[in-house]
Amino acid sequence: MSENEYWFCLTHHTVEGRDGCKNADRLGPYASSAEASRALEKVEERNEEWDNDPKWNDDGPGSGDGITDGTPDN
């Protein structure tokens, strides 16, 4: 583990070093303080990408659960 690692604390909404809050309450590690400070923005960007990814569209054609006959809907 590098000394130059940073986390974003979800409790305090601040960037922390290694000796910050418990890992369950933070995102990271990140290589820089600036990168850690963008943690929530990055989460939002990724969520938006995943929500709009046609390969993971749960509402489109073939989105059934396959339970009716035990086979996938592919």
Protein backbone atom coordinates (compact mmCIF):
# COMPACT_ATOMS: atom_id res chain seq x y z
CA MET A 1 0.00 0.00 0.00
CA SER A 2 1.37 3.38 -1.03
CA GLU A 3 1.59 6.36 1.31
CA ASN A 4 0.21 8.50 -1.53
CA GLU A 5 -3.29 7.06 -1.52
CA TYR A 6 -6.44 9.02 -0.85
CA TRP A 7 -10.06 8.16 -0.05
CA PHE A 8 -13.31 10.08 -0.19
CA CYS A 9 -15.19 9.87 3.11
CA LEU A 10 -18.93 9.39 2.59
CA THR A 11 -19.65 10.50 6.16
CA HIS A 12 -17.75 13.78 6.16
CA HIS A 13 -17.60 14.44 2.38
CA THR A 14 -13.89 15.10 2.58
CA VAL A 15 -10.71 13.63 1.14
CA GLU A 16 -8.75 11.54 3.64
CA GLY A 17 -5.43 9.80 3.88
CA ARG A 18 -4.84 6.26 5.04
CA ASP A 19 -5.72 7.03 8.68
CA GLY A 20 -9.22 8.33 7.97
CA CYS A 21 -12.59 6.79 8.66
CA LYS A 22 -13.28 3.06 8.31
CA ASN A 23 -13.22 1.68 4.76
CA ALA A 24 -16.93 0.88 4.82
CA ASP A 25 -17.58 4.63 4.97
CA ARG A 26 -15.36 5.73 2.11
CA LEU A 27 -14.51 5.30 -1.57
CA GLY A 28 -11.03 4.59 -2.86
CA PRO A 29 -8.16 4.43 -2.76
CA TYR A 30 -7.31 7.01 -5.40
CA ALA A 31 -3.86 8.00 -6.62
CA SER A 32 -4.34 11.71 -5.93
CA SER A 33 -6.31 14.02 -3.68
CA ALA A 34 -7.89 15.64 -6.76
CA GLU A 35 -9.09 12.26 -8.05
CA ALA A 36 -10.55 11.38 -4.63
CA SER A 37 -12.36 14.73 -4.47
CA ARG A 38 -14.24 13.73 -7.68
CA ALA A 39 -15.34 10.36 -6.27
CA LEU A 40 -19.06 11.15 -6.12
CA GLU A 41 -19.00 12.70 -9.60
CA LYS A 42 -17.31 9.56 -10.93
CA VAL A 43 -19.94 7.35 -9.27
CA GLU A 44 -22.70 9.43 -10.87
CA GLU A 45 -21.02 9.23 -14.30
CA ARG A 46 -20.64 5.45 -14.06
CA ASN A 47 -24.22 4.97 -12.89
CA GLU A 48 -25.45 7.04 -15.84
CA GLU A 49 -23.35 4.97 -18.26
CA TRP A 50 -24.63 1.70 -16.81
CA ASP A 51 -28.24 2.90 -16.75
CA ASN A 52 -28.00 3.65 -20.47
CA ASP A 53 -25.98 0.61 -21.55
CA PRO A 54 -28.14 -1.37 -24.00
CA LYS A 55 -26.43 -4.62 -22.96
CA TRP A 56 -27.80 -4.12 -19.42
CA ASN A 57 -31.25 -2.74 -20.21
CA ASP A 58 -33.66 -4.55 -17.92
CA ASP A 59 -36.71 -2.99 -19.61
CA GLY A 60 -35.99 -3.88 -23.24
CA PRO A 61 -36.82 -6.93 -25.36
CA GLY A 62 -35.61 -10.19 -23.90
CA SER A 63 -35.53 -8.74 -20.40
CA GLY A 64 -37.59 -11.56 -18.89
CA ASP A 65 -36.26 -13.71 -16.10
CA GLY A 66 -36.51 -17.05 -17.94
CA ILE A 67 -38.55 -18.60 -15.14
CA THR A 68 -41.53 -19.66 -17.28
CA ASP A 69 -39.78 -22.55 -19.01
CA GLY A 70 -36.44 -22.49 -17.21
CA THR A 71 -34.47 -21.13 -20.17
CA PRO A 72 -32.93 -17.70 -20.67
CA ASP A 73 -34.73 -15.26 -22.96
CA ASN A 74 -31.81 -14.84 -25.40
